[in-house]
Amino acid sequence: MKVLNRTKNIQVSGAAARADTFVTRLFGLIPRRSLGEEEGLWLEPCAMIHMCFMSFPIDAVFLDRGGKALRVVSDLRPWRVSPWVAGARGVLELPAGRCAGRVEEGDSLEFTA
């Protein structure tokens, strides 16, 4: 799916996958060696992520039910844990550095097929 930043009127991801079961959320990006520039992973429900067994850093965008970015964690490295984000319904994981200039806290994101 595509992820658009409606606040800035720009595309954030052109190829985001969805992880919405216990197993897909638990393993997330662990099997991957990297993410392409346009790739991402939407985890729902989710208000906190771990980077255990990951081999690359990511940017993480925590969103509420309406798609508002509550928190952006840039360059989250392997073997770290994100903060718990109150009110978050899900998190969009993107390649490290992807959020710079594209997503800020308070922005409104939209997911399309």
PDB file of N, CA and C in Angstrom:
ATOM      1  N   MET A   1       0.830  -1.177   0.000  1.00  0.00           N
ATOM      2  CA  MET A   1       0.000   0.000   0.000  1.00  0.00           C
ATOM      3  C   MET A   1       0.877   1.243   0.000  1.00  0.00           C
ATOM      4  N   LYS A   2       0.303   2.351  -0.378  1.00  0.00           N
ATOM      5  CA  LYS A   2       1.000   3.630  -0.367  1.00  0.00           C
ATOM      6  C   LYS A   2       0.642   4.384   0.908  1.00  0.00           C
ATOM      7  N   VAL A   3       1.604   5.185   1.368  1.00  0.00           N
ATOM      8  CA  VAL A   3       1.363   6.024   2.536  1.00  0.00           C
ATOM      9  C   VAL A   3       1.622   7.464   2.112  1.00  0.00           C
ATOM     10  N   LEU A   4       0.598   8.299   2.270  1.00  0.00           N
ATOM     11  CA  LEU A   4       0.695   9.700   1.887  1.00  0.00           C
ATOM     12  C   LEU A   4       0.646  10.591   3.117  1.00  0.00           C
ATOM     13  N   ASN A   5       1.461  11.625   3.117  1.00  0.00           N
ATOM     14  CA  ASN A   5       1.389  12.632   4.167  1.00  0.00           C
ATOM     15  C   ASN A   5       0.460  13.719   3.645  1.00  0.00           C
ATOM     16  N   ARG A   6      -0.764  13.755   4.153  1.00  0.00           N
ATOM     17  CA  ARG A   6      -1.766  14.724   3.699  1.00  0.00           C
ATOM     18  C   ARG A   6      -1.423  16.146   4.139  1.00  0.00           C
ATOM     19  N   THR A   7      -0.714  16.290   5.239  1.00  0.00           N
ATOM     20  CA  THR A   7      -0.323  17.614   5.726  1.00  0.00           C
ATOM     21  C   THR A   7       0.662  18.279   4.773  1.00  0.00           C
ATOM     22  N   LYS A   8       1.638  17.516   4.296  1.00  0.00           N
ATOM     23  CA  LYS A   8       2.685  18.035   3.415  1.00  0.00           C
ATOM     24  C   LYS A   8       2.412  17.737   1.938  1.00  0.00           C
ATOM     25  N   ASN A   9       1.383  16.923   1.673  1.00  0.00           N
ATOM     26  CA  ASN A   9       1.021  16.530   0.310  1.00  0.00           C
ATOM     27  C   ASN A   9       2.183  15.843  -0.421  1.00  0.00           C
ATOM     28  N   ILE A  10       2.808  14.859   0.269  1.00  0.00           N
ATOM     29  CA  ILE A  10       3.899  14.093  -0.330  1.00  0.00           C
ATOM     30  C   ILE A  10       3.731  12.607   0.009  1.00  0.00           C
ATOM     31  N   GLN A  11       4.342  11.763  -0.802  1.00  0.00           N
ATOM     32  CA  GLN A  11       4.325  10.317  -0.549  1.00  0.00           C
ATOM     33  C   GLN A  11       5.431   9.966   0.434  1.00  0.00           C
ATOM     34  N   VAL A  12       5.077   9.188   1.437  1.00  0.00           N
ATOM     35  CA  VAL A  12       6.041   8.740   2.438  1.00  0.00           C
ATOM     36  C   VAL A  12       6.573   7.357   2.070  1.00  0.00           C
ATOM     37  N   SER A  13       5.678   6.479   1.591  1.00  0.00           N
ATOM     38  CA  SER A  13       6.071   5.128   1.194  1.00  0.00           C
ATOM     39  C   SER A  13       5.226   4.693   0.012  1.00  0.00           C
ATOM     40  N   GLY A  14       5.859   4.083  -0.962  1.00  0.00           N
ATOM     41  CA  GLY A  14       5.134   3.584  -2.125  1.00  0.00           C
ATOM     42  C   GLY A  14       4.837   2.104  -2.052  1.00  0.00           C
ATOM     43  N   ALA A  15       5.418   1.425  -1.051  1.00  0.00           N
ATOM     44  CA  ALA A  15       5.244  -0.027  -0.949  1.00  0.00           C
ATOM     45  C   ALA A  15       5.323  -0.476   0.503  1.00  0.00           C
ATOM     46  N   ALA A  16       4.313  -0.122   1.271  1.00  0.00           N
ATOM     47  CA  ALA A  16       4.269  -0.543   2.673  1.00  0.00           C
ATOM     48  C   ALA A  16       3.444  -1.816   2.803  1.00  0.00           C
ATOM     49  N   ALA A  17       3.970  -2.768   3.533  1.00  0.00           N
ATOM     50  CA  ALA A  17       3.246  -4.006   3.830  1.00  0.00           C
ATOM     51  C   ALA A  17       2.507  -3.824   5.151  1.00  0.00           C
ATOM     52  N   ARG A  18       1.616  -4.757   5.455  1.00  0.00           N
ATOM     53  CA  ARG A  18       0.814  -4.678   6.681  1.00  0.00           C
ATOM     54  C   ARG A  18       1.100  -5.892   7.560  1.00  0.00           C
ATOM     55  N   ALA A  19       1.325  -5.646   8.844  1.00  0.00           N
ATOM     56  CA  ALA A  19       1.489  -6.712   9.828  1.00  0.00           C
ATOM     57  C   ALA A  19       0.388  -6.536  10.859  1.00  0.00           C
ATOM     58  N   ASP A  20      -0.636  -7.402  10.796  1.00  0.00           N
ATOM     59  CA  ASP A  20      -1.780  -7.219  11.686  1.00  0.00           C
ATOM     60  C   ASP A  20      -2.191  -8.495  12.430  1.00  0.00           C
ATOM     61  N   THR A  21      -1.290  -9.478  12.454  1.00  0.00           N
ATOM     62  CA  THR A  21      -1.517 -10.672  13.266  1.00  0.00           C
ATOM     63  C   THR A  21      -0.403 -10.732  14.307  1.00  0.00           C
ATOM     64  N   PHE A  22      -0.598 -11.540  15.336  1.00  0.00           N
ATOM     65  CA  PHE A  22       0.417 -11.657  16.380  1.00  0.00           C
ATOM     66  C   PHE A  22       1.779 -12.028  15.795  1.00  0.00           C
ATOM     67  N   VAL A  23       1.813 -13.026  14.937  1.00  0.00           N
ATOM     68  CA  VAL A  23       3.079 -13.512  14.381  1.00  0.00           C
ATOM     69  C   VAL A  23       3.724 -12.467  13.466  1.00  0.00           C
ATOM     70  N   THR A  24       2.957 -11.853  12.571  1.00  0.00           N
ATOM     71  CA  THR A  24       3.564 -10.869  11.659  1.00  0.00           C
ATOM     72  C   THR A  24       4.059  -9.636  12.421  1.00  0.00           C
ATOM     73  N   ARG A  25       3.367  -9.255  13.493  1.00  0.00           N
ATOM     74  CA  ARG A  25       3.835  -8.123  14.311  1.00  0.00           C
ATOM     75  C   ARG A  25       5.063  -8.508  15.123  1.00  0.00           C
ATOM     76  N   LEU A  26       5.077  -9.726  15.659  1.00  0.00           N
ATOM     77  CA  LEU A  26       6.204 -10.176  16.483  1.00  0.00           C
ATOM     78  C   LEU A  26       7.502 -10.193  15.675  1.00  0.00           C
ATOM     79  N   PHE A  27       7.451 -10.768  14.479  1.00  0.00           N
ATOM     80  CA  PHE A  27       8.661 -10.882  13.667  1.00  0.00           C
ATOM     81  C   PHE A  27       8.926  -9.648  12.820  1.00  0.00           C
ATOM     82  N   GLY A  28       7.889  -8.931  12.410  1.00  0.00           N
ATOM     83  CA  GLY A  28       8.061  -7.678  11.677  1.00  0.00           C
ATOM     84  C   GLY A  28       9.117  -7.740  10.599  1.00  0.00           C
ATOM     85  N   LEU A  29      10.142  -6.911  10.747  1.00  0.00           N
ATOM     86  CA  LEU A  29      11.221  -6.820   9.757  1.00  0.00           C
ATOM     87  C   LEU A  29      12.434  -7.681  10.091  1.00  0.00           C
ATOM     88  N   ILE A  30      12.355  -8.476  11.165  1.00  0.00           N
ATOM     89  CA  ILE A  30      13.504  -9.277  11.588  1.00  0.00           C
ATOM     90  C   ILE A  30      14.073 -10.145  10.463  1.00  0.00           C
ATOM     91  N   PRO A  31      13.255 -10.810   9.658  1.00  0.00           N
ATOM     92  CA  PRO A  31      13.835 -11.649   8.590  1.00  0.00           C
ATOM     93  C   PRO A  31      14.525 -10.856   7.475  1.00  0.00           C
ATOM     94  N   ARG A  32      14.296  -9.555   7.412  1.00  0.00           N
ATOM     95  CA  ARG A  32      14.837  -8.728   6.322  1.00  0.00           C
ATOM     96  C   ARG A  32      16.262  -8.276   6.626  1.00  0.00           C
ATOM     97  N   ARG A  33      17.037  -8.056   5.570  1.00  0.00           N
ATOM     98  CA  ARG A  33      18.394  -7.501   5.703  1.00  0.00           C
ATOM     99  C   ARG A  33      18.391  -5.986   5.545  1.00  0.00           C
ATOM    100  N   SER A  34      17.335  -5.465   4.891  1.00  0.00           N
ATOM    101  CA  SER A  34      17.221  -4.023   4.668  1.00  0.00           C
ATOM    102  C   SER A  34      15.817  -3.718   4.160  1.00  0.00           C
ATOM    103  N   LEU A  35      15.551  -2.428   4.026  1.00  0.00           N
ATOM    104  CA  LEU A  35      14.322  -1.952   3.398  1.00  0.00           C
ATOM    105  C   LEU A  35      14.704  -1.090   2.213  1.00  0.00           C
ATOM    106  N   GLY A  36      13.970  -1.237   1.113  1.00  0.00           N
ATOM    107  CA  GLY A  36      14.178  -0.350  -0.024  1.00  0.00           C
ATOM    108  C   GLY A  36      13.681   1.050   0.326  1.00  0.00           C
ATOM    109  N   GLU A  37      14.105   2.026  -0.416  1.00  0.00           N
ATOM    110  CA  GLU A  37      13.778   3.431  -0.153  1.00  0.00           C
ATOM    111  C   GLU A  37      12.278   3.673  -0.016  1.00  0.00           C
ATOM    112  N   GLU A  38      11.459   3.005  -0.816  1.00  0.00           N
ATOM    113  CA  GLU A  38      10.005   3.209  -0.812  1.00  0.00           C
ATOM    114  C   GLU A  38       9.245   2.204   0.049  1.00  0.00           C
ATOM    115  N   GLU A  39       9.957   1.259   0.672  1.00  0.00           N
ATOM    116  CA  GLU A  39       9.297   0.214   1.448  1.00  0.00           C
ATOM    117  C   GLU A  39       9.011   0.655   2.878  1.00  0.00           C
ATOM    118  N   GLY A  40       8.075  -0.039   3.496  1.00  0.00           N
ATOM    119  CA  GLY A  40       7.746   0.200   4.886  1.00  0.00           C
ATOM    120  C   GLY A  40       6.921  -0.948   5.416  1.00  0.00           C
ATOM    121  N   LEU A  41       6.651  -0.921   6.727  1.00  0.00           N
ATOM    122  CA  LEU A  41       5.814  -1.925   7.353  1.00  0.00           C
ATOM    123  C   LEU A  41       4.889  -1.233   8.344  1.00  0.00           C
ATOM    124  N   TRP A  42       3.578  -1.458   8.201  1.00  0.00           N
ATOM    125  CA  TRP A  42       2.561  -0.906   9.084  1.00  0.00           C
ATOM    126  C   TRP A  42       2.154  -1.990  10.074  1.00  0.00           C
ATOM    127  N   LEU A  43       2.426  -1.773  11.354  1.00  0.00           N
ATOM    128  CA  LEU A  43       2.062  -2.712  12.403  1.00  0.00           C
ATOM    129  C   LEU A  43       0.841  -2.170  13.146  1.00  0.00           C
ATOM    130  N   GLU A  44      -0.224  -2.991  13.199  1.00  0.00           N
ATOM    131  CA  GLU A  44      -1.446  -2.551  13.862  1.00  0.00           C
ATOM    132  C   GLU A  44      -2.144  -3.744  14.496  1.00  0.00           C
ATOM    133  N   PRO A  45      -2.533  -3.685  15.760  1.00  0.00           N
ATOM    134  CA  PRO A  45      -2.295  -2.610  16.719  1.00  0.00           C
ATOM    135  C   PRO A  45      -0.868  -2.667  17.253  1.00  0.00           C
ATOM    136  N   CYS A  46      -0.356  -1.519  17.657  1.00  0.00           N
ATOM    137  CA  CYS A  46       1.011  -1.441  18.169  1.00  0.00           C
ATOM    138  C   CYS A  46       1.255  -0.058  18.764  1.00  0.00           C
ATOM    139  N   ALA A  47       1.825  -0.016  19.963  1.00  0.00           N
ATOM    140  CA  ALA A  47       2.147   1.257  20.605  1.00  0.00           C
ATOM    141  C   ALA A  47       3.600   1.311  21.062  1.00  0.00           C
ATOM    142  N   MET A  48       4.354   0.214  20.795  1.00  0.00           N
ATOM    143  CA  MET A  48       5.762   0.128  21.187  1.00  0.00           C
ATOM    144  C   MET A  48       6.408  -0.965  20.344  1.00  0.00           C
ATOM    145  N   ILE A  49       7.646  -0.771  19.941  1.00  0.00           N
ATOM    146  CA  ILE A  49       8.340  -1.790  19.155  1.00  0.00           C
ATOM    147  C   ILE A  49       9.694  -2.126  19.765  1.00  0.00           C
ATOM    148  N   HIS A  50      10.175  -3.325  19.437  1.00  0.00           N
ATOM    149  CA  HIS A  50      11.520  -3.736  19.833  1.00  0.00           C
ATOM    150  C   HIS A  50      12.354  -3.921  18.568  1.00  0.00           C
ATOM    151  N   MET A  51      13.647  -3.790  18.732  1.00  0.00           N
ATOM    152  CA  MET A  51      14.565  -3.971  17.613  1.00  0.00           C
ATOM    153  C   MET A  51      15.472  -5.193  17.831  1.00  0.00           C
ATOM    154  N   CYS A  52      15.013  -6.123  18.686  1.00  0.00           N
ATOM    155  CA  CYS A  52      15.776  -7.337  18.962  1.00  0.00           C
ATOM    156  C   CYS A  52      15.922  -8.155  17.677  1.00  0.00           C
ATOM    157  N   PHE A  53      17.110  -8.599  17.428  1.00  0.00           N
ATOM    158  CA  PHE A  53      17.461  -9.435  16.275  1.00  0.00           C
ATOM    159  C   PHE A  53      17.408  -8.695  14.939  1.00  0.00           C
ATOM    160  N   MET A  54      17.191  -7.385  14.959  1.00  0.00           N
ATOM    161  CA  MET A  54      17.211  -6.595  13.716  1.00  0.00           C
ATOM    162  C   MET A  54      18.660  -6.383  13.289  1.00  0.00           C
ATOM    163  N   SER A  55      18.855  -6.195  11.989  1.00  0.00           N
ATOM    164  CA  SER A  55      20.221  -5.998  11.480  1.00  0.00           C
ATOM    165  C   SER A  55      20.416  -4.622  10.856  1.00  0.00           C
ATOM    166  N   PHE A  56      19.402  -3.741  10.949  1.00  0.00           N
ATOM    167  CA  PHE A  56      19.524  -2.407  10.372  1.00  0.00           C
ATOM    168  C   PHE A  56      18.627  -1.435  11.142  1.00  0.00           C
ATOM    169  N   PRO A  57      18.971  -0.142  11.145  1.00  0.00           N
ATOM    170  CA  PRO A  57      18.147   0.856  11.843  1.00  0.00           C
ATOM    171  C   PRO A  57      16.931   1.252  11.000  1.00  0.00           C
ATOM    172  N   ILE A  58      15.921   1.814  11.668  1.00  0.00           N
ATOM    173  CA  ILE A  58      14.709   2.268  10.990  1.00  0.00           C
ATOM    174  C   ILE A  58      14.241   3.590  11.589  1.00  0.00           C
ATOM    175  N   ASP A  59      13.333   4.243  10.885  1.00  0.00           N
ATOM    176  CA  ASP A  59      12.545   5.338  11.438  1.00  0.00           C
ATOM    177  C   ASP A  59      11.190   4.741  11.786  1.00  0.00           C
ATOM    178  N   ALA A  60      10.607   5.152  12.905  1.00  0.00           N
ATOM    179  CA  ALA A  60       9.309   4.638  13.335  1.00  0.00           C
ATOM    180  C   ALA A  60       8.353   5.805  13.573  1.00  0.00           C
ATOM    181  N   VAL A  61       7.168   5.719  12.966  1.00  0.00           N
ATOM    182  CA  VAL A  61       6.144   6.751  13.110  1.00  0.00           C
ATOM    183  C   VAL A  61       4.945   6.137  13.824  1.00  0.00           C
ATOM    184  N   PHE A  62       4.652   6.624  15.019  1.00  0.00           N
ATOM    185  CA  PHE A  62       3.526   6.136  15.805  1.00  0.00           C
ATOM    186  C   PHE A  62       2.305   6.986  15.494  1.00  0.00           C
ATOM    187  N   LEU A  63       1.204   6.318  15.097  1.00  0.00           N
ATOM    188  CA  LEU A  63      -0.001   7.013  14.644  1.00  0.00           C
ATOM    189  C   LEU A  63      -1.202   6.677  15.519  1.00  0.00           C
ATOM    190  N   ASP A  64      -2.099   7.652  15.681  1.00  0.00           N
ATOM    191  CA  ASP A  64      -3.357   7.382  16.377  1.00  0.00           C
ATOM    192  C   ASP A  64      -4.364   6.807  15.393  1.00  0.00           C
ATOM    193  N   ARG A  65      -5.577   6.556  15.849  1.00  0.00           N
ATOM    194  CA  ARG A  65      -6.617   5.952  14.993  1.00  0.00           C
ATOM    195  C   ARG A  65      -6.937   6.779  13.754  1.00  0.00           C
ATOM    196  N   GLY A  66      -6.777   8.082  13.847  1.00  0.00           N
ATOM    197  CA  GLY A  66      -7.093   8.960  12.732  1.00  0.00           C
ATOM    198  C   GLY A  66      -5.938   9.188  11.772  1.00  0.00           C
ATOM    199  N   GLY A  67      -4.779   8.579  12.043  1.00  0.00           N
ATOM    200  CA  GLY A  67      -3.624   8.742  11.163  1.00  0.00           C
ATOM    201  C   GLY A  67      -2.713   9.904  11.525  1.00  0.00           C
ATOM    202  N   LYS A  68      -2.927  10.512  12.687  1.00  0.00           N
ATOM    203  CA  LYS A  68      -2.078  11.628  13.127  1.00  0.00           C
ATOM    204  C   LYS A  68      -0.788  11.070  13.730  1.00  0.00           C
ATOM    205  N   ALA A  69       0.343  11.611  13.294  1.00  0.00           N
ATOM    206  CA  ALA A  69       1.643  11.196  13.811  1.00  0.00           C
ATOM    207  C   ALA A  69       1.807  11.732  15.233  1.00  0.00           C
ATOM    208  N   LEU A  70       1.831  10.824  16.197  1.00  0.00           N
ATOM    209  CA  LEU A  70       1.983  11.208  17.593  1.00  0.00           C
ATOM    210  C   LEU A  70       3.441  11.349  17.988  1.00  0.00           C
ATOM    211  N   ARG A  71       4.279  10.479  17.403  1.00  0.00           N
ATOM    212  CA  ARG A  71       5.708  10.511  17.719  1.00  0.00           C
ATOM    213  C   ARG A  71       6.489   9.944  16.552  1.00  0.00           C
ATOM    214  N   VAL A  72       7.615  10.556  16.255  1.00  0.00           N
ATOM    215  CA  VAL A  72       8.528  10.066  15.224  1.00  0.00           C
ATOM    216  C   VAL A  72       9.850   9.742  15.916  1.00  0.00           C
ATOM    217  N   VAL A  73      10.277   8.499  15.798  1.00  0.00           N
ATOM    218  CA  VAL A  73      11.555   8.064  16.359  1.00  0.00           C
ATOM    219  C   VAL A  73      12.480   7.796  15.183  1.00  0.00           C
ATOM    220  N   SER A  74      13.468   8.640  15.025  1.00  0.00           N
ATOM    221  CA  SER A  74      14.396   8.515  13.891  1.00  0.00           C
ATOM    222  C   SER A  74      15.594   7.659  14.260  1.00  0.00           C
ATOM    223  N   ASP A  75      16.065   6.893  13.277  1.00  0.00           N
ATOM    224  CA  ASP A  75      17.302   6.115  13.401  1.00  0.00           C
ATOM    225  C   ASP A  75      17.305   5.202  14.632  1.00  0.00           C
ATOM    226  N   LEU A  76      16.219   4.452  14.807  1.00  0.00           N
ATOM    227  CA  LEU A  76      16.135   3.491  15.899  1.00  0.00           C
ATOM    228  C   LEU A  76      17.017   2.297  15.543  1.00  0.00           C
ATOM    229  N   ARG A  77      18.032   2.060  16.330  1.00  0.00           N
ATOM    230  CA  ARG A  77      19.057   1.059  16.026  1.00  0.00           C
ATOM    231  C   ARG A  77      18.707  -0.331  16.557  1.00  0.00           C
ATOM    232  N   PRO A  78      19.351  -1.365  15.967  1.00  0.00           N
ATOM    233  CA  PRO A  78      19.136  -2.728  16.456  1.00  0.00           C
ATOM    234  C   PRO A  78      19.425  -2.850  17.956  1.00  0.00           C
ATOM    235  N   TRP A  79      18.681  -3.745  18.587  1.00  0.00           N
ATOM    236  CA  TRP A  79      18.792  -4.058  20.006  1.00  0.00           C
ATOM    237  C   TRP A  79      18.371  -2.900  20.908  1.00  0.00           C
ATOM    238  N   ARG A  80      17.468  -2.067  20.413  1.00  0.00           N
ATOM    239  CA  ARG A  80      16.885  -0.998  21.221  1.00  0.00           C
ATOM    240  C   ARG A  80      15.377  -1.244  21.313  1.00  0.00           C
ATOM    241  N   VAL A  81      14.738  -0.512  22.214  1.00  0.00           N
ATOM    242  CA  VAL A  81      13.289  -0.579  22.374  1.00  0.00           C
ATOM    243  C   VAL A  81      12.762   0.836  22.266  1.00  0.00           C
ATOM    244  N   SER A  82      11.678   1.002  21.542  1.00  0.00           N
ATOM    245  CA  SER A  82      11.073   2.330  21.410  1.00  0.00           C
ATOM    246  C   SER A  82      10.355   2.685  22.706  1.00  0.00           C
ATOM    247  N   PRO A  83      10.040   3.954  22.881  1.00  0.00           N
ATOM    248  CA  PRO A  83       9.180   4.308  24.012  1.00  0.00           C
ATOM    249  C   PRO A  83       7.757   3.811  23.756  1.00  0.00           C
ATOM    250  N   TRP A  84       6.992   3.652  24.823  1.00  0.00           N
ATOM    251  CA  TRP A  84       5.559   3.365  24.721  1.00  0.00           C
ATOM    252  C   TRP A  84       4.903   4.688  24.362  1.00  0.00           C
ATOM    253  N   VAL A  85       4.096   4.714  23.324  1.00  0.00           N
ATOM    254  CA  VAL A  85       3.465   5.956  22.881  1.00  0.00           C
ATOM    255  C   VAL A  85       1.974   5.892  23.203  1.00  0.00           C
ATOM    256  N   ALA A  86       1.570   6.650  24.200  1.00  0.00           N
ATOM    257  CA  ALA A  86       0.177   6.671  24.628  1.00  0.00           C
ATOM    258  C   ALA A  86      -0.712   7.149  23.485  1.00  0.00           C
ATOM    259  N   GLY A  87      -1.791   6.439  23.248  1.00  0.00           N
ATOM    260  CA  GLY A  87      -2.739   6.811  22.200  1.00  0.00           C
ATOM    261  C   GLY A  87      -2.405   6.264  20.824  1.00  0.00           C
ATOM    262  N   ALA A  88      -1.256   5.615  20.689  1.00  0.00           N
ATOM    263  CA  ALA A  88      -0.874   5.071  19.379  1.00  0.00           C
ATOM    264  C   ALA A  88      -1.715   3.843  19.048  1.00  0.00           C
ATOM    265  N   ARG A  89      -2.189   3.801  17.821  1.00  0.00           N
ATOM    266  CA  ARG A  89      -2.926   2.641  17.313  1.00  0.00           C
ATOM    267  C   ARG A  89      -2.008   1.726  16.524  1.00  0.00           C
ATOM    268  N   GLY A  90      -0.981   2.300  15.921  1.00  0.00           N
ATOM    269  CA  GLY A  90      -0.054   1.521  15.121  1.00  0.00           C
ATOM    270  C   GLY A  90       1.234   2.286  14.894  1.00  0.00           C
ATOM    271  N   VAL A  91       2.177   1.593  14.260  1.00  0.00           N
ATOM    272  CA  VAL A  91       3.467   2.204  13.955  1.00  0.00           C
ATOM    273  C   VAL A  91       3.858   1.868  12.523  1.00  0.00           C
ATOM    274  N   LEU A  92       4.353   2.867  11.825  1.00  0.00           N
ATOM    275  CA  LEU A  92       4.859   2.698  10.470  1.00  0.00           C
ATOM    276  C   LEU A  92       6.380   2.663  10.549  1.00  0.00           C
ATOM    277  N   GLU A  93       6.962   1.542  10.140  1.00  0.00           N
ATOM    278  CA  GLU A  93       8.410   1.392  10.129  1.00  0.00           C
ATOM    279  C   GLU A  93       8.915   1.694   8.726  1.00  0.00           C
ATOM    280  N   LEU A  94       9.925   2.561   8.661  1.00  0.00           N
ATOM    281  CA  LEU A  94      10.480   3.026   7.388  1.00  0.00           C
ATOM    282  C   LEU A  94      11.998   2.940   7.423  1.00  0.00           C
ATOM    283  N   PRO A  95      12.647   3.000   6.259  1.00  0.00           N
ATOM    284  CA  PRO A  95      14.116   3.011   6.259  1.00  0.00           C
ATOM    285  C   PRO A  95      14.640   4.196   7.062  1.00  0.00           C
ATOM    286  N   ALA A  96      15.746   4.003   7.754  1.00  0.00           N
ATOM    287  CA  ALA A  96      16.350   5.077   8.539  1.00  0.00           C
ATOM    288  C   ALA A  96      16.598   6.293   7.649  1.00  0.00           C
ATOM    289  N   GLY A  97      16.196   7.447   8.120  1.00  0.00           N
ATOM    290  CA  GLY A  97      16.370   8.696   7.385  1.00  0.00           C
ATOM    291  C   GLY A  97      15.186   9.058   6.509  1.00  0.00           C
ATOM    292  N   ARG A  98      14.256   8.151   6.311  1.00  0.00           N
ATOM    293  CA  ARG A  98      13.117   8.394   5.409  1.00  0.00           C
ATOM    294  C   ARG A  98      12.189   9.496   5.925  1.00  0.00           C
ATOM    295  N   CYS A  99      12.070   9.650   7.225  1.00  0.00           N
ATOM    296  CA  CYS A  99      11.147  10.656   7.782  1.00  0.00           C
ATOM    297  C   CYS A  99      11.660  12.091   7.629  1.00  0.00           C
ATOM    298  N   ALA A 100      12.956  12.263   7.512  1.00  0.00           N
ATOM    299  CA  ALA A 100      13.524  13.607   7.432  1.00  0.00           C
ATOM    300  C   ALA A 100      12.891  14.394   6.293  1.00  0.00           C
ATOM    301  N   GLY A 101      12.194  15.474   6.636  1.00  0.00           N
ATOM    302  CA  GLY A 101      11.541  16.315   5.645  1.00  0.00           C
ATOM    303  C   GLY A 101      10.229  15.763   5.120  1.00  0.00           C
ATOM    304  N   ARG A 102       9.858  14.547   5.538  1.00  0.00           N
ATOM    305  CA  ARG A 102       8.620  13.933   5.053  1.00  0.00           C
ATOM    306  C   ARG A 102       7.548  13.787   6.128  1.00  0.00           C
ATOM    307  N   VAL A 103       7.964  13.494   7.365  1.00  0.00           N
ATOM    308  CA  VAL A 103       6.987  13.253   8.434  1.00  0.00           C
ATOM    309  C   VAL A 103       7.458  13.924   9.719  1.00  0.00           C
ATOM    310  N   GLU A 104       6.540  14.671  10.329  1.00  0.00           N
ATOM    311  CA  GLU A 104       6.785  15.297  11.628  1.00  0.00           C
ATOM    312  C   GLU A 104       5.606  14.988  12.535  1.00  0.00           C
ATOM    313  N   GLU A 105       5.833  15.084  13.822  1.00  0.00           N
ATOM    314  CA  GLU A 105       4.741  14.899  14.773  1.00  0.00           C
ATOM    315  C   GLU A 105       3.641  15.904  14.458  1.00  0.00           C
ATOM    316  N   GLY A 106       2.418  15.418  14.452  1.00  0.00           N
ATOM    317  CA  GLY A 106       1.263  16.255  14.134  1.00  0.00           C
ATOM    318  C   GLY A 106       0.786  16.115  12.703  1.00  0.00           C
ATOM    319  N   ASP A 107       1.627  15.574  11.817  1.00  0.00           N
ATOM    320  CA  ASP A 107       1.219  15.372  10.423  1.00  0.00           C
ATOM    321  C   ASP A 107       0.123  14.305  10.338  1.00  0.00           C
ATOM    322  N   SER A 108      -0.693  14.388   9.301  1.00  0.00           N
ATOM    323  CA  SER A 108      -1.771  13.430   9.053  1.00  0.00           C
ATOM    324  C   SER A 108      -1.386  12.512   7.890  1.00  0.00           C
ATOM    325  N   LEU A 109      -1.303  11.198   8.178  1.00  0.00           N
ATOM    326  CA  LEU A 109      -0.942  10.224   7.145  1.00  0.00           C
ATOM    327  C   LEU A 109      -2.157   9.438   6.712  1.00  0.00           C
ATOM    328  N   GLU A 110      -2.144   9.033   5.438  1.00  0.00           N
ATOM    329  CA  GLU A 110      -3.237   8.253   4.867  1.00  0.00           C
ATOM    330  C   GLU A 110      -2.679   7.049   4.140  1.00  0.00           C
ATOM    331  N   PHE A 111      -3.304   5.885   4.350  1.00  0.00           N
ATOM    332  CA  PHE A 111      -2.913   4.633   3.706  1.00  0.00           C
ATOM    333  C   PHE A 111      -3.877   4.352   2.559  1.00  0.00           C
ATOM    334  N   THR A 112      -3.346   4.068   1.367  1.00  0.00           N
ATOM    335  CA  THR A 112      -4.175   3.750   0.215  1.00  0.00           C
ATOM    336  C   THR A 112      -3.692   2.461  -0.441  1.00  0.00           C
ATOM    337  N   ALA A 113      -4.605   1.806  -1.147  1.00  0.00           N
ATOM    338  CA  ALA A 113      -4.261   0.539  -1.814  1.00  0.00           C
ATOM    339  C   ALA A 113      -3.373   0.747  -3.019  1.00  0.00           C
TER     340      ALA A 113
END
